[in-house]
């Protein structure tokens, strides 16, 4: 392990060539010393010009150390595990290929671990950057599907069962290795199918080992969201992916756990219907159906419909 490196930023990418330059540009503009971090790009079977774009970016952003690798097993969990294996520093930072890091992003992460030596991991704030603008039907309850995440106004420890989102999560490499990384039975996006919840399952295993996972709202990335791509088919893939992932995760525990999750999802669907009615009453009918549809699609994924 390189003693001068303090943190490894792992970016896993799949057919997002258009976004990668902005992500890497934000890392090249970090206020943290360039000698103290590395960037690892893992191309996960992209069929676009991702490799060419990455090669060009490596030359363009020569002030930062960038490693490029391929992972042929489809799925973010495979790609993240590959990135972690290549990492040479004690901290692993996972950032999405369509995320833009604040200039003090890495500096704040390093400082946080120095000030909180008990921290096993950290999650930060994710702010959607809607292009061209936020849809009128978007609500707090649906925006998590496009990466919106703001757990607390203050630094705090995640409560049991709560966890960071995948596009802004940091963990000690020693803990990552101890629990064997991400569960590849929950690969994330696999072709046109999504089996999500890999981040949730990962942090639940960490918490089960009494790892302390913090949230810091000042550790910020912006997540690009092109609203033209927020089609019903896309939102279905995301929401049903949550359900598919929960089916896999709970069945790995027990059949009872899966049955209880089905009950929980039906209750959440009922709550979504009530919430949808409230949006109509408040004069925001555009927000009503997406909230309900989100829960219907998640339930379909859970039941394999």
Protein backbone atom coordinates (compact mmCIF):
# COMPACT_ATOMS: atom_id res chain seq x y z
CA UNK A 1 0.00 0.00 0.00
CA UNK A 2 1.39 3.40 -1.03
CA UNK A 3 1.97 5.44 2.14
CA UNK A 4 1.55 8.78 0.34
CA UNK A 5 -1.88 7.86 -0.98
CA UNK A 6 -4.71 8.54 1.45
CA UNK A 7 -7.78 7.77 -0.64
CA UNK A 8 -8.76 5.87 -3.81
CA UNK A 9 -11.73 7.15 -5.81
CA UNK A 10 -13.42 4.29 -7.67
CA UNK A 11 -15.67 5.16 -10.61
CA UNK A 12 -17.47 2.26 -12.24
CA UNK A 13 -18.98 3.04 -15.62
CA UNK A 14 -21.36 1.43 -18.08
CA UNK A 15 -22.23 3.24 -21.32
CA UNK A 16 -21.87 6.70 -19.79
CA UNK A 17 -19.08 8.08 -21.97
CA UNK A 18 -20.78 11.47 -22.18
CA UNK A 19 -20.61 11.97 -18.41
CA UNK A 20 -17.15 10.73 -17.47
CA UNK A 21 -15.20 13.88 -18.48
CA UNK A 22 -17.15 16.07 -16.05
CA UNK A 23 -16.69 13.59 -13.21
CA UNK A 24 -12.94 13.43 -13.80
CA UNK A 25 -12.69 17.19 -14.28
CA UNK A 26 -14.24 17.69 -10.83
CA UNK A 27 -11.62 15.37 -9.34
CA UNK A 28 -8.80 17.20 -11.13
CA UNK A 29 -9.98 20.42 -9.45
CA UNK A 30 -9.89 19.07 -5.90
CA UNK A 31 -8.17 21.24 -3.30
CA UNK A 32 -6.60 18.10 -1.82
CA UNK A 33 -3.00 17.52 -2.86
CA UNK A 34 -2.91 15.49 -6.09
CA UNK A 35 -0.24 13.19 -4.61
CA UNK A 36 -2.61 11.98 -1.91
CA UNK A 37 -5.35 10.42 -4.05
CA UNK A 38 -5.79 8.15 -7.03
CA UNK A 39 -8.71 7.56 -9.38
CA UNK A 40 -9.63 4.10 -10.63
CA UNK A 41 -12.03 3.84 -13.57
CA UNK A 42 -13.58 0.42 -14.11
CA UNK A 43 -15.24 -0.02 -17.49
CA UNK A 44 -18.01 -2.59 -16.97
CA UNK A 45 -18.55 -3.98 -20.49
CA UNK A 46 -19.54 -0.67 -22.10
CA UNK A 47 -20.56 -0.84 -25.76
CA UNK A 48 -20.12 2.89 -26.45
CA UNK A 49 -16.81 4.77 -26.77
CA UNK A 50 -16.14 4.73 -23.02
CA UNK A 51 -12.62 3.36 -23.39
CA UNK A 52 -11.57 6.02 -25.90
CA UNK A 53 -13.07 8.78 -23.76
CA UNK A 54 -11.30 7.46 -20.66
CA UNK A 55 -7.96 7.27 -22.48
CA UNK A 56 -8.39 10.87 -23.64
CA UNK A 57 -9.30 11.97 -20.11
CA UNK A 58 -6.21 10.30 -18.67
CA UNK A 59 -4.12 12.45 -20.99
CA UNK A 60 -6.23 15.55 -20.40
CA UNK A 61 -6.16 15.32 -16.61
CA UNK A 62 -2.53 14.30 -16.30
CA UNK A 63 -2.15 16.08 -12.95
CA UNK A 64 -4.05 13.28 -11.23
CA UNK A 65 -3.17 9.61 -11.17
CA UNK A 66 -5.83 7.65 -13.07
CA UNK A 67 -5.87 3.89 -13.52
CA UNK A 68 -8.12 2.35 -16.18
CA UNK A 69 -9.39 -1.23 -15.95
CA UNK A 70 -12.00 -3.49 -17.51
CA UNK A 71 -14.43 -5.78 -15.68
CA UNK A 72 -16.21 -8.23 -17.98
CA UNK A 73 -18.63 -9.59 -15.38
CA UNK A 74 -21.67 -7.38 -15.78
CA UNK A 75 -22.86 -5.46 -12.75
CA UNK A 76 -21.72 -2.63 -10.49
CA UNK A 77 -20.90 -4.99 -7.63
CA UNK A 78 -18.37 -6.85 -9.79
CA UNK A 79 -16.89 -3.57 -11.01
CA UNK A 80 -16.65 -2.01 -7.54
CA UNK A 81 -14.92 -5.11 -6.18
CA UNK A 82 -12.41 -4.95 -9.03
CA UNK A 83 -11.74 -1.29 -8.32
CA UNK A 84 -11.22 -2.04 -4.64
CA UNK A 85 -8.72 -4.79 -5.48
CA UNK A 86 -6.67 -2.29 -7.49
CA UNK A 87 -6.82 0.42 -4.81
CA UNK A 88 -3.57 1.27 -3.04
CA UNK A 89 -4.84 3.48 -0.22
CA UNK A 90 -6.58 2.85 3.13
CA UNK A 91 -9.82 4.59 2.11
CA UNK A 92 -12.17 3.64 -0.72
CA UNK A 93 -14.44 6.32 -2.14
CA UNK A 94 -17.14 5.16 -4.54
CA UNK A 95 -18.46 7.86 -6.87
CA UNK A 96 -20.80 7.47 -9.85
CA UNK A 97 -19.71 8.19 -13.39
CA UNK A 98 -22.40 10.89 -13.69
CA UNK A 99 -21.50 12.60 -10.41
CA UNK A 100 -19.60 15.86 -9.97
CA UNK A 101 -17.59 16.25 -6.78
CA UNK A 102 -17.47 19.54 -4.90
CA UNK A 103 -13.94 21.05 -4.91
CA UNK A 104 -13.43 20.24 -1.22
CA UNK A 105 -14.96 16.76 -1.50
CA UNK A 106 -11.84 14.65 -0.92
CA UNK A 107 -10.32 17.12 1.54
CA UNK A 108 -13.41 16.88 3.75
CA UNK A 109 -13.38 13.09 3.60
CA UNK A 110 -9.75 12.87 4.72
CA UNK A 111 -10.35 15.44 7.44
CA UNK A 112 -13.43 13.57 8.65
CA UNK A 113 -11.56 10.31 9.17
CA UNK A 114 -8.81 12.20 11.00
CA UNK A 115 -11.35 13.80 13.32
CA UNK A 116 -13.41 10.61 13.74
CA UNK A 117 -10.98 7.69 14.07
CA UNK A 118 -13.90 5.43 15.02
CA UNK A 119 -15.51 5.90 11.60
CA UNK A 120 -15.71 2.75 9.52
CA UNK A 121 -17.38 4.59 6.68
CA UNK A 122 -19.10 7.79 5.62
CA UNK A 123 -21.98 8.77 3.41
CA UNK A 124 -22.38 12.26 2.02
CA UNK A 125 -25.02 14.44 0.49
CA UNK A 126 -26.13 13.91 -3.12
CA UNK A 127 -27.76 16.86 -4.88
CA UNK A 128 -29.56 16.17 -8.18
CA UNK A 129 -28.56 18.46 -11.05
CA UNK A 130 -31.64 18.36 -13.23
CA UNK A 131 -31.13 19.11 -16.92
CA UNK A 132 -32.85 21.30 -17.96
CA UNK A 133 -34.94 21.60 -14.76
CA UNK A 134 -36.69 19.55 -12.08
CA UNK A 135 -39.91 17.97 -13.42
CA UNK A 136 -43.10 19.24 -11.83
CA UNK A 137 -44.05 15.65 -10.92
CA UNK A 138 -40.86 15.08 -8.91
CA UNK A 139 -41.28 14.81 -5.15
CA UNK A 140 -39.06 14.04 -2.17
CA UNK A 141 -40.43 10.49 -2.12
CA UNK A 142 -39.52 9.77 -5.74
CA UNK A 143 -36.29 11.76 -6.04
CA UNK A 144 -34.27 9.06 -4.29
CA UNK A 145 -34.56 7.12 -7.57
CA UNK A 146 -32.43 9.79 -9.24
CA UNK A 147 -29.92 9.92 -6.40
CA UNK A 148 -31.28 12.70 -4.19
CA UNK A 149 -29.95 12.07 -0.68
CA UNK A 150 -29.90 14.37 2.35
CA UNK A 151 -30.06 12.27 5.50
CA UNK A 152 -29.46 14.99 8.09
CA UNK A 153 -28.60 18.67 8.46
CA UNK A 154 -25.77 17.77 10.83
CA UNK A 155 -23.00 15.22 11.15
CA UNK A 156 -24.44 12.07 12.71
CA UNK A 157 -24.18 8.30 12.83
CA UNK A 158 -26.57 6.41 10.58
CA UNK A 159 -29.28 4.71 12.59
CA UNK A 160 -29.50 0.91 12.30
CA UNK A 161 -31.01 0.03 8.92
CA UNK A 162 -30.08 3.41 7.41
CA UNK A 163 -27.12 3.73 5.09
CA UNK A 164 -25.38 5.89 2.44
CA UNK A 165 -26.34 5.81 -1.21
CA UNK A 166 -23.97 4.16 -3.67
CA UNK A 167 -22.91 7.31 -5.55
CA UNK A 168 -21.35 8.92 -2.49
CA UNK A 169 -20.03 6.34 -0.05
CA UNK A 170 -16.65 5.92 1.57
CA UNK A 171 -15.34 2.97 3.58
CA UNK A 172 -12.07 1.84 5.10
CA UNK A 173 -10.42 -0.69 2.79
CA UNK A 174 -9.65 -2.95 5.74
CA UNK A 175 -13.38 -3.25 6.52
CA UNK A 176 -14.25 -3.68 2.84
CA UNK A 177 -11.83 -6.58 2.62
CA UNK A 178 -13.00 -8.03 5.94
CA UNK A 179 -16.60 -8.48 4.75
CA UNK A 180 -15.61 -9.54 1.22
CA UNK A 181 -16.77 -6.45 -0.64
CA UNK A 182 -20.07 -6.20 -2.48
CA UNK A 183 -22.42 -9.15 -2.81
CA UNK A 184 -22.34 -10.07 -6.50
CA UNK A 185 -25.75 -11.75 -6.18
CA UNK A 186 -26.91 -8.11 -6.13
CA UNK A 187 -25.05 -6.86 -9.21
CA UNK A 188 -26.96 -3.63 -9.76
CA UNK A 189 -27.54 -2.95 -13.46
CA UNK A 190 -27.04 -6.07 -15.57
CA UNK A 191 -27.88 -5.29 -19.19
CA UNK A 192 -31.48 -4.07 -19.22
CA UNK A 193 -32.25 -5.72 -15.88
CA UNK A 194 -31.62 -4.11 -12.52
CA UNK A 195 -31.13 -6.10 -9.32
CA UNK A 196 -30.41 -3.29 -6.88
CA UNK A 197 -29.81 -2.78 -3.21
CA UNK A 198 -26.13 -3.74 -3.27
CA UNK A 199 -25.16 -0.69 -1.24
CA UNK A 200 -27.85 -1.36 1.34
CA UNK A 201 -26.80 -4.98 1.77
CA UNK A 202 -23.13 -3.96 1.99
CA UNK A 203 -23.70 -1.43 4.77
CA UNK A 204 -26.09 -3.70 6.66
CA UNK A 205 -23.28 -6.27 6.83
CA UNK A 206 -20.89 -3.59 8.06
CA UNK A 207 -23.35 -2.47 10.73
CA UNK A 208 -23.82 -6.09 11.79
CA UNK A 209 -20.09 -6.07 12.59
CA UNK A 210 -20.61 -2.92 14.71
CA UNK A 211 -18.89 -0.66 12.19
CA UNK A 212 -19.74 3.00 12.80
CA UNK A 213 -21.05 4.64 9.62
CA UNK A 214 -21.36 8.42 9.67
CA UNK A 215 -23.21 10.96 7.55
CA UNK A 216 -21.72 14.35 6.77
CA UNK A 217 -23.89 16.79 4.77
CA UNK A 218 -20.80 18.79 3.77
CA UNK A 219 -19.32 15.88 1.79
CA UNK A 220 -21.14 16.67 -1.44
CA UNK A 221 -21.48 15.40 -4.97
CA UNK A 222 -23.93 16.64 -7.60
CA UNK A 223 -25.70 13.96 -9.60
CA UNK A 224 -26.58 14.77 -13.23
CA UNK A 225 -30.18 13.91 -14.11
CA UNK A 226 -31.31 14.40 -17.70
CA UNK A 227 -35.05 14.68 -17.28
CA UNK A 228 -35.69 13.54 -20.87
CA UNK A 229 -34.45 10.10 -19.80
CA UNK A 230 -36.89 9.84 -16.88
CA UNK A 231 -39.37 7.78 -18.88
CA UNK A 232 -41.88 5.40 -17.27
CA UNK A 233 -39.74 2.50 -18.55
CA UNK A 234 -36.62 3.90 -16.88
CA UNK A 235 -38.40 4.58 -13.59
CA UNK A 236 -39.85 1.07 -13.69
CA UNK A 237 -36.37 -0.44 -14.08
CA UNK A 238 -35.11 1.52 -11.09
CA UNK A 239 -38.08 0.89 -8.80
CA UNK A 240 -38.53 -2.77 -9.73
CA UNK A 241 -34.78 -3.18 -9.29
CA UNK A 242 -35.15 -2.23 -5.65
CA UNK A 243 -37.77 -4.94 -5.28
CA UNK A 244 -35.70 -7.60 -7.09
CA UNK A 245 -32.73 -6.78 -4.91
CA UNK A 246 -34.78 -7.04 -1.75
CA UNK A 247 -36.09 -10.44 -2.85
CA UNK A 248 -32.54 -11.74 -3.30
CA UNK A 249 -31.29 -10.15 -0.07
CA UNK A 250 -34.14 -11.34 2.15
CA UNK A 251 -34.24 -14.87 0.72
CA UNK A 252 -30.55 -15.17 1.54
CA UNK A 253 -31.65 -14.61 5.15
CA UNK A 254 -34.81 -16.73 5.27
CA UNK A 255 -38.20 -17.30 3.63
CA UNK A 256 -39.81 -15.58 6.62
CA UNK A 257 -37.70 -12.49 6.01
CA UNK A 258 -38.91 -12.39 2.42
CA UNK A 259 -42.56 -12.80 3.45
CA UNK A 260 -42.20 -9.96 5.96
CA UNK A 261 -40.70 -7.78 3.22
CA UNK A 262 -43.74 -8.48 1.01
CA UNK A 263 -46.01 -7.36 3.86
CA UNK A 264 -43.87 -4.24 4.35
CA UNK A 265 -44.12 -3.38 0.65
CA UNK A 266 -47.92 -3.72 0.67
CA UNK A 267 -48.08 -1.39 3.68
CA UNK A 268 -45.81 1.10 1.90
CA UNK A 269 -48.05 0.93 -1.16
CA UNK A 270 -51.03 1.79 1.04
CA UNK A 271 -49.11 4.72 2.51
CA UNK A 272 -48.21 5.87 -1.01
CA UNK A 273 -51.89 5.89 -2.01
CA UNK A 274 -52.68 8.09 1.00
CA UNK A 275 -49.77 10.36 0.12
CA UNK A 276 -50.95 10.58 -3.48
CA UNK A 277 -54.40 11.66 -2.32
CA UNK A 278 -52.81 14.32 -0.11
CA UNK A 279 -50.86 15.70 -3.08
CA UNK A 280 -54.14 16.05 -5.01
CA UNK A 281 -55.79 17.79 -2.06
CA UNK A 282 -52.81 20.18 -1.80
CA UNK A 283 -53.17 21.11 -5.46
CA UNK A 284 -50.13 19.14 -6.65
CA UNK A 285 -51.78 16.37 -8.69
CA UNK A 286 -48.72 15.87 -10.91
CA UNK A 287 -46.86 14.45 -7.90
CA UNK A 288 -49.60 12.00 -6.99
CA UNK A 289 -49.31 9.13 -9.47
CA UNK A 290 -45.46 8.89 -9.56
CA UNK A 291 -45.41 8.24 -5.80
CA UNK A 292 -47.96 5.44 -6.14
CA UNK A 293 -46.36 4.02 -9.29
CA UNK A 294 -42.97 3.86 -7.54
CA UNK A 295 -44.41 1.56 -4.87
CA UNK A 296 -46.34 -0.54 -7.40
CA UNK A 297 -43.21 -1.06 -9.50
CA UNK A 298 -41.09 -1.90 -6.45
CA UNK A 299 -43.70 -4.47 -5.38
CA UNK A 300 -43.70 -5.97 -8.88
CA UNK A 301 -39.96 -6.42 -8.65
CA UNK A 302 -40.24 -8.01 -5.22
CA UNK A 303 -42.87 -10.46 -6.51
CA UNK A 304 -41.05 -11.04 -9.83
CA UNK A 305 -43.92 -9.68 -11.94
